[in-house]
Amino acid sequence: MKILGEKIGFADKKTKEILFVVILSTFLLLFLYHHDCWRPIRYWLFLDGLILFIIPLLSLVLLKKRTTVLLKAFSTVVMIAALLVLVWLSLDRHFFAVIRHGKTVYPISAIFVVLTALILVLAKVELRAYGINFGKWKFWVPIIIIFFICMVPLIFWASRMPSFQKTYPMFSLARKGVGGFIVAELSVGIFFIFWEFFFRGYMLFSLEKRTGFLVANAIQAMAFAFMHFGKPELEVYSSLVGGLVIGWLAWRSKTFLPAFLIHWGIQFMMDFFAVIR
């Protein structure tokens, strides 16, 4: 194939698949970076679920070997529909206002979830290969227990700082009684499933199969650090180091669950200590 008289192409099929994952991931993260919206919570979860979970899952069908053309076409159509919804949300304020309401966002969410589940089942995508399983739990469970034993006193100490009280809890709903706190933390938990699957599930494992662990871990950690731009400088740098370490833990455990539990657990404790003080 030639463009402007220059011959272009891919060294091999793996290179093509690597570029596909990297370019798709970059587009999705750029969109999320510029259009993320935390309120209302239902819209926040819809947007992040579409970007970080549904579209990546659909793309796995395109990466899978020995998948029928019909299934790949079906997956592509649904994925393009999801991408068009994102673009429409960014361009049309009226559509954005409509989607934010529960009467609209819940049915659309259900449609995408059902279609995605149907496609994955028909295509027989092995989700375990992308970290959706308990993995080597005998390895990672003790690490998580030790981690939280060490973190609880540190977070409790940090909760005494005025800046901490201004930042947490993440949602004001968490201060509205036990029911409000549970809803807020469950919502945050769902978000972190999307978040950790994207970096330590989809990006890490799909690239690791084609580039090896070191390159895959570096790419997902850099993307993870990119999403912290705009935050305090120390947090940006630490997110790169943390991304590399958690990426190793997920790869060694063969699941993104420990990464999810670490992230959600820290957020839960910060919100909890902020509320009870």
Protein backbone atom coordinates (compact mmCIF):
# COMPACT_ATOMS: atom_id res chain seq x y z
CA MET A 1 0.00 0.00 0.00
CA LYS A 2 1.27 3.47 -0.92
CA ILE A 3 0.36 6.89 0.51
CA LEU A 4 1.77 10.01 -1.20
CA GLY A 5 4.10 7.76 -3.15
CA GLU A 6 5.57 6.16 -0.04
CA LYS A 7 5.18 2.46 0.65
CA ILE A 8 3.78 1.78 4.09
CA GLY A 9 2.94 -1.36 5.96
CA PHE A 10 3.56 -3.40 9.08
CA ALA A 11 6.55 -5.54 9.90
CA ASP A 12 4.19 -8.34 10.93
CA LYS A 13 0.72 -9.00 12.31
CA LYS A 14 1.88 -8.42 15.90
CA THR A 15 3.00 -4.90 15.04
CA LYS A 16 -0.42 -4.17 13.55
CA GLU A 17 -2.16 -5.43 16.70
CA ILE A 18 0.17 -3.46 18.99
CA LEU A 19 -0.56 -0.24 17.09
CA PHE A 20 -4.28 -0.99 17.25
CA VAL A 21 -4.22 -1.36 21.06
CA VAL A 22 -1.97 1.68 21.60
CA ILE A 23 -3.90 4.01 19.26
CA LEU A 24 -7.32 2.95 20.56
CA SER A 25 -6.15 3.29 24.17
CA THR A 26 -4.66 6.73 23.49
CA PHE A 27 -7.87 7.99 21.89
CA LEU A 28 -10.02 6.71 24.74
CA LEU A 29 -7.77 8.20 27.43
CA LEU A 30 -7.56 11.55 25.63
CA PHE A 31 -11.33 11.68 25.45
CA LEU A 32 -11.67 10.74 29.11
CA TYR A 33 -9.06 13.30 30.12
CA HIS A 34 -10.96 16.13 28.45
CA HIS A 35 -14.55 15.04 29.09
CA ASP A 36 -14.63 13.21 32.42
CA CYS A 37 -17.56 14.31 34.58
CA TRP A 38 -18.13 13.11 38.14
CA ARG A 39 -21.72 14.26 38.54
CA PRO A 40 -24.27 12.87 38.46
CA ILE A 41 -22.72 9.57 39.52
CA ARG A 42 -24.84 7.55 37.05
CA TYR A 43 -23.46 9.53 34.10
CA TRP A 44 -19.92 9.31 35.46
CA LEU A 45 -20.14 5.51 35.61
CA PHE A 46 -21.77 5.34 32.17
CA LEU A 47 -19.05 7.43 30.54
CA ASP A 48 -16.15 5.67 32.26
CA GLY A 49 -17.73 2.25 31.75
CA LEU A 50 -18.07 2.87 28.02
CA ILE A 51 -14.51 4.19 27.66
CA LEU A 52 -12.59 1.95 30.04
CA PHE A 53 -14.58 -1.29 29.88
CA ILE A 54 -17.10 -1.77 27.05
CA ILE A 55 -15.02 -0.53 24.10
CA PRO A 56 -11.83 -2.35 25.21
CA LEU A 57 -13.80 -5.59 25.68
CA LEU A 58 -15.29 -5.29 22.20
CA SER A 59 -11.85 -4.70 20.72
CA LEU A 60 -10.70 -8.06 22.10
CA VAL A 61 -12.88 -9.76 19.50
CA LEU A 62 -10.90 -8.00 16.75
CA LEU A 63 -7.64 -9.17 18.31
CA LYS A 64 -8.78 -12.77 18.69
CA LYS A 65 -7.54 -15.32 16.20
CA ARG A 66 -9.97 -17.62 14.40
CA THR A 67 -12.98 -15.35 14.84
CA THR A 68 -15.57 -15.25 12.07
CA VAL A 69 -15.83 -12.20 9.86
CA LEU A 70 -19.46 -11.80 10.91
CA LEU A 71 -18.60 -11.61 14.61
CA LYS A 72 -15.77 -9.17 13.94
CA ALA A 73 -18.15 -7.03 11.89
CA PHE A 74 -20.79 -7.18 14.66
CA SER A 75 -18.21 -6.17 17.27
CA THR A 76 -16.91 -3.36 15.05
CA VAL A 77 -20.43 -1.95 14.54
CA VAL A 78 -21.17 -1.90 18.28
CA MET A 79 -17.75 -0.41 19.04
CA ILE A 80 -18.23 2.32 16.43
CA ALA A 81 -21.69 3.03 17.89
CA ALA A 82 -20.11 3.48 21.33
CA LEU A 83 -17.43 5.77 19.89
CA LEU A 84 -20.09 7.82 18.09
CA VAL A 85 -21.98 8.22 21.37
CA LEU A 86 -18.80 9.64 22.92
CA VAL A 87 -18.23 12.05 20.03
CA TRP A 88 -21.89 13.10 20.05
CA LEU A 89 -21.70 13.78 23.80
CA SER A 90 -18.75 16.11 23.25
CA LEU A 91 -20.39 18.02 20.38
CA ASP A 92 -24.07 18.25 21.31
CA ARG A 93 -24.99 19.85 24.63
CA HIS A 94 -28.62 18.78 24.27
CA PHE A 95 -27.64 15.13 23.83
CA PHE A 96 -25.31 15.50 26.81
CA ALA A 97 -28.19 16.83 28.93
CA VAL A 98 -30.49 13.99 27.82
CA ILE A 99 -27.95 11.23 28.54
CA ARG A 100 -27.34 12.52 32.09
CA HIS A 101 -30.91 11.60 33.12
CA GLY A 102 -31.60 8.17 34.61
CA LYS A 103 -34.44 7.46 32.15
CA THR A 104 -31.92 7.57 29.32
CA VAL A 105 -28.58 6.47 30.74
CA TYR A 106 -29.81 3.22 32.31
CA PRO A 107 -31.45 1.77 29.15
CA ILE A 108 -28.48 2.75 26.96
CA SER A 109 -26.08 1.21 29.48
CA ALA A 110 -28.13 -2.01 29.52
CA ILE A 111 -28.11 -2.20 25.70
CA PHE A 112 -24.31 -1.90 25.51
CA VAL A 113 -23.78 -4.39 28.34
CA VAL A 114 -26.09 -7.02 26.78
CA LEU A 115 -24.63 -6.59 23.27
CA THR A 116 -21.05 -6.75 24.58
CA ALA A 117 -21.76 -9.86 26.68
CA LEU A 118 -23.45 -11.54 23.70
CA ILE A 119 -20.53 -10.79 21.38
CA LEU A 120 -17.94 -12.03 23.89
CA VAL A 121 -19.84 -15.27 24.45
CA LEU A 122 -20.34 -15.93 20.73
CA ALA A 123 -16.70 -15.12 19.98
CA LYS A 124 -15.57 -17.29 22.91
CA VAL A 125 -13.14 -14.64 24.13
CA GLU A 126 -11.02 -16.01 26.96
CA LEU A 127 -11.41 -13.21 29.50
CA ARG A 128 -9.11 -15.01 31.94
CA ALA A 129 -6.26 -14.15 29.59
CA TYR A 130 -6.92 -10.46 30.26
CA GLY A 131 -6.89 -10.61 34.04
CA ILE A 132 -10.60 -11.23 34.64
CA ASN A 133 -10.17 -14.03 37.18
CA PHE A 134 -8.80 -14.63 40.68
CA GLY A 135 -5.38 -15.49 39.28
CA LYS A 136 -2.69 -16.73 41.63
CA TRP A 137 -4.58 -15.67 44.74
CA LYS A 138 -2.24 -17.50 47.13
CA PHE A 139 0.47 -15.13 45.92
CA TRP A 140 -1.35 -11.82 45.94
CA VAL A 141 -3.75 -12.12 48.91
CA PRO A 142 -0.94 -12.07 51.55
CA ILE A 143 0.62 -9.07 49.81
CA ILE A 144 -2.69 -7.19 49.92
CA ILE A 145 -3.17 -8.01 53.63
CA ILE A 146 0.32 -6.79 54.54
CA PHE A 147 -0.15 -3.69 52.40
CA PHE A 148 -3.33 -2.64 54.19
CA ILE A 149 -1.91 -3.37 57.63
CA CYS A 150 0.84 -0.88 56.81
CA MET A 151 -1.43 1.67 55.12
CA VAL A 152 -4.22 1.98 57.72
CA PRO A 153 -2.16 3.95 60.31
CA LEU A 154 -0.61 6.13 57.59
CA ILE A 155 -3.99 7.08 56.11
CA PHE A 156 -5.46 7.64 59.58
CA TRP A 157 -2.58 10.01 60.34
CA ALA A 158 -3.05 11.83 57.02
CA SER A 159 -6.78 12.24 57.73
CA ARG A 160 -5.93 14.74 60.47
CA MET A 161 -4.58 17.22 57.93
CA PRO A 162 -6.88 20.13 56.89
CA SER A 163 -6.08 19.56 53.19
CA PHE A 164 -7.26 15.98 53.56
CA GLN A 165 -10.61 17.07 54.95
CA LYS A 166 -11.10 19.46 52.02
CA THR A 167 -10.44 16.74 49.46
CA TYR A 168 -12.23 13.72 50.92
CA PRO A 169 -14.65 12.05 50.76
CA MET A 170 -14.62 11.84 46.98
CA PHE A 171 -18.41 12.37 46.84
CA SER A 172 -20.38 14.53 49.28
CA LEU A 173 -23.01 11.78 49.20
CA ALA A 174 -20.71 9.78 51.50
CA ARG A 175 -21.49 12.24 54.32
CA LYS A 176 -25.25 11.66 54.07
CA GLY A 177 -25.63 8.76 56.46
CA VAL A 178 -24.73 5.09 56.19
CA GLY A 179 -26.83 4.60 53.05
CA GLY A 180 -25.18 7.51 51.26
CA PHE A 181 -21.72 6.28 52.23
CA ILE A 182 -22.42 2.75 50.93
CA VAL A 183 -23.78 4.03 47.60
CA ALA A 184 -20.82 6.39 47.17
CA GLU A 185 -18.20 3.72 47.93
CA LEU A 186 -19.87 1.08 45.75
CA SER A 187 -19.95 3.60 42.90
CA VAL A 188 -16.25 4.32 43.40
CA GLY A 189 -15.61 0.57 43.51
CA ILE A 190 -17.34 0.06 40.15
CA PHE A 191 -15.26 2.87 38.68
CA PHE A 192 -12.02 1.31 39.91
CA ILE A 193 -12.99 -2.01 38.30
CA PHE A 194 -13.24 -0.15 34.99
CA TRP A 195 -10.05 1.82 35.66
CA GLU A 196 -7.84 -1.08 36.73
CA PHE A 197 -9.16 -3.42 34.05
CA PHE A 198 -8.22 -0.87 31.39
CA PHE A 199 -4.60 -0.39 32.54
CA ARG A 200 -3.72 -3.61 34.37
CA GLY A 201 -6.05 -5.88 32.40
CA TYR A 202 -6.68 -4.75 28.85
CA MET A 203 -3.51 -2.77 28.11
CA LEU A 204 -1.09 -4.88 30.13
CA PHE A 205 -2.16 -8.36 29.03
CA SER A 206 -3.11 -7.60 25.42
CA LEU A 207 0.27 -5.93 24.85
CA GLU A 208 2.24 -8.46 26.93
CA LYS A 209 1.23 -11.22 24.54
CA ARG A 210 2.78 -9.27 21.66
CA THR A 211 5.66 -7.26 23.17
CA GLY A 212 6.67 -9.12 26.30
CA PHE A 213 6.10 -7.96 29.89
CA LEU A 214 8.67 -5.16 30.20
CA VAL A 215 7.46 -3.16 27.21
CA ALA A 216 3.77 -3.77 27.99
CA ASN A 217 4.23 -2.71 31.61
CA ALA A 218 6.08 0.44 30.60
CA ILE A 219 3.38 1.44 28.10
CA GLN A 220 0.48 0.99 30.54
CA ALA A 221 2.39 2.79 33.32
CA MET A 222 3.12 5.77 31.05
CA ALA A 223 -0.53 5.94 30.02
CA PHE A 224 -1.51 5.72 33.70
CA ALA A 225 0.86 8.57 34.60
CA PHE A 226 -0.51 10.65 31.72
CA MET A 227 -3.98 10.50 33.31
CA HIS A 228 -2.54 12.19 36.41
CA PHE A 229 -1.44 15.32 34.56
CA GLY A 230 -2.81 18.41 36.25
CA LYS A 231 -2.42 16.92 39.72
CA PRO A 232 0.43 17.80 42.13
CA GLU A 233 3.86 17.15 40.59
CA LEU A 234 4.83 14.56 43.20
CA GLU A 235 1.63 12.60 42.51
CA VAL A 236 2.35 12.56 38.77
CA TYR A 237 5.84 11.14 39.27
CA SER A 238 4.71 8.67 41.91
CA SER A 239 1.91 7.47 39.61
CA LEU A 240 4.53 6.32 37.09
CA VAL A 241 6.43 4.36 39.72
CA GLY A 242 3.21 3.05 41.23
CA GLY A 243 1.92 2.05 37.80
CA LEU A 244 5.06 0.02 37.15
CA VAL A 245 4.89 -1.74 40.53
CA ILE A 246 1.16 -2.48 40.38
CA GLY A 247 1.58 -3.58 36.78
CA TRP A 248 4.19 -6.11 37.90
CA LEU A 249 1.88 -7.32 40.68
CA ALA A 250 -1.02 -7.78 38.24
CA TRP A 251 1.20 -9.60 35.73
CA ARG A 252 2.73 -11.83 38.40
CA SER A 253 -0.74 -12.56 39.83
CA LYS A 254 -2.31 -13.08 36.37
CA THR A 255 -5.21 -10.82 37.38
CA PHE A 256 -5.95 -7.12 37.82
CA LEU A 257 -7.85 -7.82 41.08
CA PRO A 258 -5.00 -6.91 43.48
CA ALA A 259 -4.55 -3.60 41.66
CA PHE A 260 -8.29 -2.95 41.99
CA LEU A 261 -8.34 -3.83 45.71
CA ILE A 262 -5.34 -1.60 46.44
CA HIS A 263 -6.84 1.37 44.64
CA TRP A 264 -10.36 0.96 45.99
CA GLY A 265 -9.15 0.08 49.48
CA ILE A 266 -7.07 3.25 49.76
CA GLN A 267 -9.96 5.38 48.50
CA PHE A 268 -12.38 3.67 50.90
CA MET A 269 -10.13 4.31 53.91
CA MET A 270 -9.53 7.93 52.96
CA ASP A 271 -13.28 8.53 52.61
CA PHE A 272 -14.08 6.61 55.79
CA PHE A 273 -11.59 8.46 57.99
CA ALA A 274 -12.68 11.79 56.50
CA VAL A 275 -16.33 11.07 57.30
CA ILE A 276 -15.88 9.85 60.88
CA ARG A 277 -13.72 12.78 61.97
